[in-house]
Amino acid sequence: MDSSIIIARYNENLNWIKKLNNSSQIIIYNKGDSLQNSEDNIIIELPNVGRESHTWLHHIYYNYENLSDYNIFLQGRIDDLGCMAYSDISNYFADLRKKSFSTSRFGIIGPLHWKPNLNIHKDSRYVKAWNNGELSRSNLGFRKYSKLFFKDIPFFIATSYGGCFGVTKDAIRKNNKDFYYKLLVTVDKHPNPIESHYLERLWCYMFSRNKYITNAFSDVIKTKIERNLNFIT
């Protein structure tokens, strides 16, 4: 099976790519300063809009007929995502031999998570950007946006965080090409649209619906235990 590693880069140092030990095609979508290609990777320049969500949708839409069997989507930096990204990329491929969607740690979106703005306006990481307009608003809250594209989406869904995941070609193609274009145009006009944060929470459902909801409940318990242990120590 052929495979691609698709990387969304702004100005991150990508030297870690040289350590990858696999035969996958590496495609780098660059939205920052020019990048020198010394490894025969494919480098594609994109405007700096939509965060990694725009990058993933751009790749899927414009390569829909020629997608690899296995597709690994990674941010330009993955060593700051903790348990939300595999440090060993080979784990994504190992997962995809058994599953249609791979993430290092599933999560759960439940009734308390469907806040209109994801409570980003109260999050210390984003409150400044929210107040000064560096993070755009939306006329649709998270729940309404989700139901616009997934009419019957339940209140409990399996999710993934960090914008890093693997997915099979067959899983991507369960949605038609036009579906991805409609998503793409929601994140193509601002460097940091709130819709890109919505999409980060919807990738798992988009590609697998709730196939991995049991895994998600198990992973949530695992994450809570780890956080409690770290707090104690």
C-alpha atoms as a PDB file:
ATOM      1  CA  MET A   1       0.000   0.000   0.000  1.00  0.00           C
ATOM      2  CA  ASP A   2       1.284   3.466  -0.854  1.00  0.00           C
ATOM      3  CA  SER A   3       1.392   6.178   1.801  1.00  0.00           C
ATOM      4  CA  SER A   4       1.850   9.914   2.206  1.00  0.00           C
ATOM      5  CA  ILE A   5       2.922  12.048   5.127  1.00  0.00           C
ATOM      6  CA  ILE A   6       1.305  15.461   4.753  1.00  0.00           C
ATOM      7  CA  ILE A   7       2.801  18.250   6.841  1.00  0.00           C
ATOM      8  CA  ALA A   8       1.329  21.679   7.597  1.00  0.00           C
ATOM      9  CA  ARG A   9       4.223  24.043   8.130  1.00  0.00           C
ATOM     10  CA  TYR A  10       4.349  27.715   9.086  1.00  0.00           C
ATOM     11  CA  ASN A  11       7.879  28.510  10.297  1.00  0.00           C
ATOM     12  CA  GLU A  12       8.605  25.349  12.275  1.00  0.00           C
ATOM     13  CA  ASN A  13      11.980  23.623  11.984  1.00  0.00           C
ATOM     14  CA  LEU A  14      11.430  20.422  10.019  1.00  0.00           C
ATOM     15  CA  ASN A  15      14.759  18.726  10.695  1.00  0.00           C
ATOM     16  CA  TRP A  16      12.849  15.944  12.469  1.00  0.00           C
ATOM     17  CA  ILE A  17      11.662  14.755   9.058  1.00  0.00           C
ATOM     18  CA  LYS A  18      15.175  13.543   8.270  1.00  0.00           C
ATOM     19  CA  LYS A  19      14.840  10.980  11.053  1.00  0.00           C
ATOM     20  CA  LEU A  20      11.762   9.363   9.548  1.00  0.00           C
ATOM     21  CA  ASN A  21      12.568   5.831   8.496  1.00  0.00           C
ATOM     22  CA  ASN A  22       9.929   4.969   5.920  1.00  0.00           C
ATOM     23  CA  SER A  23       9.300   5.071   2.200  1.00  0.00           C
ATOM     24  CA  SER A  24       6.295   7.385   2.315  1.00  0.00           C
ATOM     25  CA  GLN A  25       5.910  10.322  -0.003  1.00  0.00           C
ATOM     26  CA  ILE A  26       6.394  13.488   2.077  1.00  0.00           C
ATOM     27  CA  ILE A  27       4.356  16.527   1.095  1.00  0.00           C
ATOM     28  CA  ILE A  28       5.027  19.810   2.893  1.00  0.00           C
ATOM     29  CA  TYR A  29       2.482  22.591   2.628  1.00  0.00           C
ATOM     30  CA  ASN A  30       4.351  25.762   3.498  1.00  0.00           C
ATOM     31  CA  LYS A  31       2.531  28.869   4.738  1.00  0.00           C
ATOM     32  CA  GLY A  32       5.536  30.689   6.181  1.00  0.00           C
ATOM     33  CA  ASP A  33       9.020  31.711   5.089  1.00  0.00           C
ATOM     34  CA  SER A  34      10.446  29.996   2.018  1.00  0.00           C
ATOM     35  CA  LEU A  35      11.715  26.500   2.659  1.00  0.00           C
ATOM     36  CA  GLN A  36      14.785  24.930   1.108  1.00  0.00           C
ATOM     37  CA  ASN A  37      14.257  21.437  -0.226  1.00  0.00           C
ATOM     38  CA  SER A  38      17.233  19.227   0.447  1.00  0.00           C
ATOM     39  CA  GLU A  39      15.450  15.911   0.774  1.00  0.00           C
ATOM     40  CA  ASP A  40      13.483  15.652  -2.481  1.00  0.00           C
ATOM     41  CA  ASN A  41      10.245  16.219  -0.612  1.00  0.00           C
ATOM     42  CA  ILE A  42       7.295  17.849  -2.331  1.00  0.00           C
ATOM     43  CA  ILE A  43       6.894  21.452  -1.163  1.00  0.00           C
ATOM     44  CA  ILE A  44       3.705  23.351  -1.987  1.00  0.00           C
ATOM     45  CA  GLU A  45       3.245  27.007  -1.064  1.00  0.00           C
ATOM     46  CA  LEU A  46      -0.129  28.039   0.328  1.00  0.00           C
ATOM     47  CA  PRO A  47      -1.474  31.337   1.659  1.00  0.00           C
ATOM     48  CA  ASN A  48      -1.419  31.587   5.429  1.00  0.00           C
ATOM     49  CA  VAL A  49      -5.087  30.951   6.098  1.00  0.00           C
ATOM     50  CA  GLY A  50      -7.114  28.407   8.033  1.00  0.00           C
ATOM     51  CA  ARG A  51      -4.372  26.814  10.139  1.00  0.00           C
ATOM     52  CA  GLU A  52      -3.775  23.098   9.524  1.00  0.00           C
ATOM     53  CA  SER A  53      -7.485  22.484   8.870  1.00  0.00           C
ATOM     54  CA  HIS A  54      -7.265  24.443   5.624  1.00  0.00           C
ATOM     55  CA  THR A  55      -4.135  22.472   4.678  1.00  0.00           C
ATOM     56  CA  TRP A  56      -5.767  19.076   5.249  1.00  0.00           C
ATOM     57  CA  LEU A  57      -8.902  20.037   3.314  1.00  0.00           C
ATOM     58  CA  HIS A  58      -6.871  21.555   0.481  1.00  0.00           C
ATOM     59  CA  HIS A  59      -4.859  18.353   0.161  1.00  0.00           C
ATOM     60  CA  ILE A  60      -7.920  16.112   0.227  1.00  0.00           C
ATOM     61  CA  TYR A  61      -9.940  18.181  -2.224  1.00  0.00           C
ATOM     62  CA  TYR A  62      -7.187  18.687  -4.794  1.00  0.00           C
ATOM     63  CA  ASN A  63      -5.926  15.108  -4.551  1.00  0.00           C
ATOM     64  CA  TYR A  64      -9.250  13.361  -4.080  1.00  0.00           C
ATOM     65  CA  GLU A  65      -8.861  11.110  -7.123  1.00  0.00           C
ATOM     66  CA  ASN A  66      -5.197  10.321  -6.373  1.00  0.00           C
ATOM     67  CA  LEU A  67      -5.034   9.895  -2.611  1.00  0.00           C
ATOM     68  CA  SER A  68      -2.569   7.459  -1.099  1.00  0.00           C
ATOM     69  CA  ASP A  69      -3.938   4.363   0.612  1.00  0.00           C
ATOM     70  CA  TYR A  70      -2.582   5.653   3.945  1.00  0.00           C
ATOM     71  CA  ASN A  71      -2.482   9.387   4.721  1.00  0.00           C
ATOM     72  CA  ILE A  72      -0.731  10.781   7.797  1.00  0.00           C
ATOM     73  CA  PHE A  73      -1.497  14.426   8.564  1.00  0.00           C
ATOM     74  CA  LEU A  74       1.025  16.133  10.853  1.00  0.00           C
ATOM     75  CA  GLN A  75       1.705  19.643  12.065  1.00  0.00           C
ATOM     76  CA  GLY A  76       5.121  21.191  11.514  1.00  0.00           C
ATOM     77  CA  ARG A  77       5.890  20.622  15.161  1.00  0.00           C
ATOM     78  CA  ILE A  78       4.666  17.556  17.001  1.00  0.00           C
ATOM     79  CA  ASP A  79       6.930  17.412  20.057  1.00  0.00           C
ATOM     80  CA  ASP A  80       4.771  19.917  21.967  1.00  0.00           C
ATOM     81  CA  LEU A  81       1.511  17.959  21.693  1.00  0.00           C
ATOM     82  CA  GLY A  82       2.206  15.412  24.424  1.00  0.00           C
ATOM     83  CA  CYS A  83      -0.023  12.344  24.217  1.00  0.00           C
ATOM     84  CA  MET A  84      -2.048  13.904  21.396  1.00  0.00           C
ATOM     85  CA  ALA A  85       0.533  12.966  18.735  1.00  0.00           C
ATOM     86  CA  TYR A  86       2.665   9.868  18.248  1.00  0.00           C
ATOM     87  CA  SER A  87       6.366  10.661  18.602  1.00  0.00           C
ATOM     88  CA  ASP A  88       7.040   7.539  16.541  1.00  0.00           C
ATOM     89  CA  ILE A  89       5.251   8.114  13.229  1.00  0.00           C
ATOM     90  CA  SER A  90       5.299   4.390  12.445  1.00  0.00           C
ATOM     91  CA  ASN A  91       2.512   3.967  15.015  1.00  0.00           C
ATOM     92  CA  TYR A  92       0.080   5.711  12.681  1.00  0.00           C
ATOM     93  CA  PHE A  93       0.841   3.188   9.964  1.00  0.00           C
ATOM     94  CA  ALA A  94       0.528   0.290  12.392  1.00  0.00           C
ATOM     95  CA  ASP A  95      -2.912   1.555  13.419  1.00  0.00           C
ATOM     96  CA  LEU A  96      -4.073   1.969   9.835  1.00  0.00           C
ATOM     97  CA  ARG A  97      -3.379  -1.660   9.082  1.00  0.00           C
ATOM     98  CA  LYS A  98      -6.211  -2.424  11.512  1.00  0.00           C
ATOM     99  CA  LYS A  99      -8.331   0.736  11.618  1.00  0.00           C
ATOM    100  CA  SER A 100      -9.526   3.386   9.192  1.00  0.00           C
ATOM    101  CA  PHE A 101      -8.555   6.284  11.488  1.00  0.00           C
ATOM    102  CA  SER A 102      -5.501   6.622  13.692  1.00  0.00           C
ATOM    103  CA  THR A 103      -4.813   9.011  16.539  1.00  0.00           C
ATOM    104  CA  SER A 104      -2.436   8.651  19.446  1.00  0.00           C
ATOM    105  CA  ARG A 105      -5.224   9.392  21.934  1.00  0.00           C
ATOM    106  CA  PHE A 106      -8.969   9.607  21.408  1.00  0.00           C
ATOM    107  CA  GLY A 107     -11.150  12.007  23.334  1.00  0.00           C
ATOM    108  CA  ILE A 108     -14.858  12.562  23.872  1.00  0.00           C
ATOM    109  CA  ILE A 109     -17.113  15.442  22.912  1.00  0.00           C
ATOM    110  CA  GLY A 110     -20.168  15.381  25.152  1.00  0.00           C
ATOM    111  CA  PRO A 111     -23.141  17.638  25.939  1.00  0.00           C
ATOM    112  CA  LEU A 112     -20.953  20.036  27.965  1.00  0.00           C
ATOM    113  CA  HIS A 113     -18.474  20.515  25.106  1.00  0.00           C
ATOM    114  CA  TRP A 114     -20.810  21.995  22.498  1.00  0.00           C
ATOM    115  CA  LYS A 115     -20.145  25.571  23.557  1.00  0.00           C
ATOM    116  CA  PRO A 116     -20.780  28.153  20.796  1.00  0.00           C
ATOM    117  CA  ASN A 117     -17.132  29.270  20.761  1.00  0.00           C
ATOM    118  CA  LEU A 118     -15.632  26.199  22.460  1.00  0.00           C
ATOM    119  CA  ASN A 119     -15.026  28.548  25.418  1.00  0.00           C
ATOM    120  CA  ILE A 120     -11.932  29.736  23.535  1.00  0.00           C
ATOM    121  CA  HIS A 121     -12.687  33.277  24.697  1.00  0.00           C
ATOM    122  CA  LYS A 122     -11.982  32.044  28.253  1.00  0.00           C
ATOM    123  CA  ASP A 123      -8.914  29.945  27.416  1.00  0.00           C
ATOM    124  CA  SER A 124      -5.665  31.646  28.499  1.00  0.00           C
ATOM    125  CA  ARG A 125      -3.958  30.366  25.323  1.00  0.00           C
ATOM    126  CA  TYR A 126      -6.427  32.165  23.066  1.00  0.00           C
ATOM    127  CA  VAL A 127      -8.087  34.973  25.012  1.00  0.00           C
ATOM    128  CA  LYS A 128      -5.716  37.674  23.711  1.00  0.00           C
ATOM    129  CA  ALA A 129      -6.171  36.582  20.080  1.00  0.00           C
ATOM    130  CA  TRP A 130      -9.932  36.393  20.622  1.00  0.00           C
ATOM    131  CA  ASN A 131     -10.126  39.911  22.004  1.00  0.00           C
ATOM    132  CA  ASN A 132      -7.943  41.569  19.367  1.00  0.00           C
ATOM    133  CA  GLY A 133      -9.445  39.776  16.361  1.00  0.00           C
ATOM    134  CA  GLU A 134      -6.480  37.564  15.559  1.00  0.00           C
ATOM    135  CA  LEU A 135      -8.915  34.674  16.057  1.00  0.00           C
ATOM    136  CA  SER A 136     -12.015  35.155  13.953  1.00  0.00           C
ATOM    137  CA  ARG A 137     -15.629  34.807  15.071  1.00  0.00           C
ATOM    138  CA  SER A 138     -18.281  32.727  13.378  1.00  0.00           C
ATOM    139  CA  ASN A 139     -21.990  33.261  12.821  1.00  0.00           C
ATOM    140  CA  LEU A 140     -22.382  29.564  13.638  1.00  0.00           C
ATOM    141  CA  GLY A 141     -21.466  28.061  16.987  1.00  0.00           C
ATOM    142  CA  PHE A 142     -19.746  24.697  17.203  1.00  0.00           C
ATOM    143  CA  ARG A 143     -22.951  22.651  17.402  1.00  0.00           C
ATOM    144  CA  LYS A 144     -24.695  24.461  14.532  1.00  0.00           C
ATOM    145  CA  TYR A 145     -21.579  24.256  12.371  1.00  0.00           C
ATOM    146  CA  SER A 146     -21.323  20.522  13.043  1.00  0.00           C
ATOM    147  CA  LYS A 147     -24.976  19.880  12.251  1.00  0.00           C
ATOM    148  CA  LEU A 148     -24.673  21.863   9.027  1.00  0.00           C
ATOM    149  CA  PHE A 149     -22.322  19.154   7.720  1.00  0.00           C
ATOM    150  CA  PHE A 150     -23.445  16.190   9.829  1.00  0.00           C
ATOM    151  CA  LYS A 151     -27.199  16.401  10.176  1.00  0.00           C
ATOM    152  CA  ASP A 152     -27.553  13.490  12.616  1.00  0.00           C
ATOM    153  CA  ILE A 153     -24.406  14.025  14.692  1.00  0.00           C
ATOM    154  CA  PRO A 154     -25.076  12.805  18.266  1.00  0.00           C
ATOM    155  CA  PHE A 155     -24.198  14.644  21.468  1.00  0.00           C
ATOM    156  CA  PHE A 156     -21.453  12.130  22.296  1.00  0.00           C
ATOM    157  CA  ILE A 157     -18.778  11.665  19.632  1.00  0.00           C
ATOM    158  CA  ALA A 158     -15.256  10.306  19.525  1.00  0.00           C
ATOM    159  CA  THR A 159     -12.735  13.041  18.810  1.00  0.00           C
ATOM    160  CA  SER A 160      -9.017  13.659  18.454  1.00  0.00           C
ATOM    161  CA  TYR A 161      -6.964  16.715  19.353  1.00  0.00           C
ATOM    162  CA  GLY A 162      -3.834  18.385  18.040  1.00  0.00           C
ATOM    163  CA  GLY A 163      -4.712  18.141  14.356  1.00  0.00           C
ATOM    164  CA  CYS A 164      -2.478  15.089  13.851  1.00  0.00           C
ATOM    165  CA  PHE A 165      -3.964  11.816  12.643  1.00  0.00           C
ATOM    166  CA  GLY A 166      -3.846   9.069  10.045  1.00  0.00           C
ATOM    167  CA  VAL A 167      -6.697   8.071   7.773  1.00  0.00           C
ATOM    168  CA  THR A 168      -7.207   5.632   4.942  1.00  0.00           C
ATOM    169  CA  LYS A 169      -8.160   6.647   1.425  1.00  0.00           C
ATOM    170  CA  ASP A 170     -11.351   4.603   1.679  1.00  0.00           C
ATOM    171  CA  ALA A 171     -12.425   6.464   4.824  1.00  0.00           C
ATOM    172  CA  ILE A 172     -11.821   9.846   3.185  1.00  0.00           C
ATOM    173  CA  ARG A 173     -13.855   8.853   0.147  1.00  0.00           C
ATOM    174  CA  LYS A 174     -16.891   7.938   2.197  1.00  0.00           C
ATOM    175  CA  ASN A 175     -17.576  11.659   1.896  1.00  0.00           C
ATOM    176  CA  ASN A 176     -17.824  13.058  -1.630  1.00  0.00           C
ATOM    177  CA  LYS A 177     -15.411  15.609  -3.035  1.00  0.00           C
ATOM    178  CA  ASP A 178     -17.886  18.476  -2.886  1.00  0.00           C
ATOM    179  CA  PHE A 179     -18.310  17.889   0.852  1.00  0.00           C
ATOM    180  CA  TYR A 180     -14.637  18.784   1.399  1.00  0.00           C
ATOM    181  CA  TYR A 181     -14.891  21.879  -0.779  1.00  0.00           C
ATOM    182  CA  LYS A 182     -17.801  23.163   1.302  1.00  0.00           C
ATOM    183  CA  LEU A 183     -15.691  22.706   4.423  1.00  0.00           C
ATOM    184  CA  LEU A 184     -12.658  24.276   2.774  1.00  0.00           C
ATOM    185  CA  VAL A 185     -14.404  27.562   2.031  1.00  0.00           C
ATOM    186  CA  THR A 186     -15.256  27.956   5.735  1.00  0.00           C
ATOM    187  CA  VAL A 187     -11.556  28.275   6.610  1.00  0.00           C
ATOM    188  CA  ASP A 188      -9.985  30.033   3.618  1.00  0.00           C
ATOM    189  CA  LYS A 189     -10.355  33.716   4.524  1.00  0.00           C
ATOM    190  CA  HIS A 190      -8.562  34.195   7.857  1.00  0.00           C
ATOM    191  CA  PRO A 191      -5.225  33.029   9.307  1.00  0.00           C
ATOM    192  CA  ASN A 192      -6.897  31.755  12.469  1.00  0.00           C
ATOM    193  CA  PRO A 193     -10.625  31.112  11.962  1.00  0.00           C
ATOM    194  CA  ILE A 194     -12.535  29.563  14.822  1.00  0.00           C
ATOM    195  CA  GLU A 195     -13.926  27.058  12.308  1.00  0.00           C
ATOM    196  CA  SER A 196     -10.475  25.468  12.140  1.00  0.00           C
ATOM    197  CA  HIS A 197     -10.777  24.757  15.866  1.00  0.00           C
ATOM    198  CA  TYR A 198     -14.202  23.226  15.230  1.00  0.00           C
ATOM    199  CA  LEU A 199     -12.698  20.973  12.554  1.00  0.00           C
ATOM    200  CA  GLU A 200      -9.898  19.820  14.850  1.00  0.00           C
ATOM    201  CA  ARG A 201     -12.617  18.247  16.978  1.00  0.00           C
ATOM    202  CA  LEU A 202     -14.523  16.802  14.012  1.00  0.00           C
ATOM    203  CA  TRP A 203     -11.854  14.907  12.026  1.00  0.00           C
ATOM    204  CA  CYS A 204     -12.446  11.618  13.829  1.00  0.00           C
ATOM    205  CA  TYR A 205     -16.220  11.787  13.370  1.00  0.00           C
ATOM    206  CA  MET A 206     -15.831  12.965   9.780  1.00  0.00           C
ATOM    207  CA  PHE A 207     -13.821   9.911   8.776  1.00  0.00           C
ATOM    208  CA  SER A 208     -15.206   7.208  11.054  1.00  0.00           C
ATOM    209  CA  ARG A 209     -18.462   8.523  12.498  1.00  0.00           C
ATOM    210  CA  ASN A 210     -18.635   6.922  15.957  1.00  0.00           C
ATOM    211  CA  LYS A 211     -16.849   3.697  15.101  1.00  0.00           C
ATOM    212  CA  TYR A 212     -14.253   4.298  17.817  1.00  0.00           C
ATOM    213  CA  ILE A 213     -16.473   5.658  20.580  1.00  0.00           C
ATOM    214  CA  THR A 214     -15.555   2.740  22.894  1.00  0.00           C
ATOM    215  CA  ASN A 215     -11.854   3.435  22.350  1.00  0.00           C
ATOM    216  CA  ALA A 216     -12.552   7.077  23.117  1.00  0.00           C
ATOM    217  CA  PHE A 217     -14.136   6.400  26.512  1.00  0.00           C
ATOM    218  CA  SER A 218     -11.182   4.161  27.415  1.00  0.00           C
ATOM    219  CA  ASP A 219      -8.676   6.814  26.324  1.00  0.00           C
ATOM    220  CA  VAL A 220     -10.431   9.552  28.307  1.00  0.00           C
ATOM    221  CA  ILE A 221     -10.069   7.451  31.469  1.00  0.00           C
ATOM    222  CA  LYS A 222      -6.416   6.802  30.610  1.00  0.00           C
ATOM    223  CA  THR A 223      -5.756  10.519  30.115  1.00  0.00           C
ATOM    224  CA  LYS A 224      -7.436  11.451  33.402  1.00  0.00           C
ATOM    225  CA  ILE A 225      -5.363   8.863  35.296  1.00  0.00           C
ATOM    226  CA  GLU A 226      -2.138  10.138  33.723  1.00  0.00           C
ATOM    227  CA  ARG A 227      -2.979  13.750  34.557  1.00  0.00           C
ATOM    228  CA  ASN A 228      -3.804  12.859  38.160  1.00  0.00           C
ATOM    229  CA  LEU A 229      -0.527  10.960  38.496  1.00  0.00           C
ATOM    230  CA  ASN A 230       1.415  13.895  37.063  1.00  0.00           C
ATOM    231  CA  PHE A 231      -0.361  16.243  39.469  1.00  0.00           C
ATOM    232  CA  ILE A 232       0.538  14.012  42.435  1.00  0.00           C
ATOM    233  CA  THR A 233       4.181  13.720  41.435  1.00  0.00           C
END
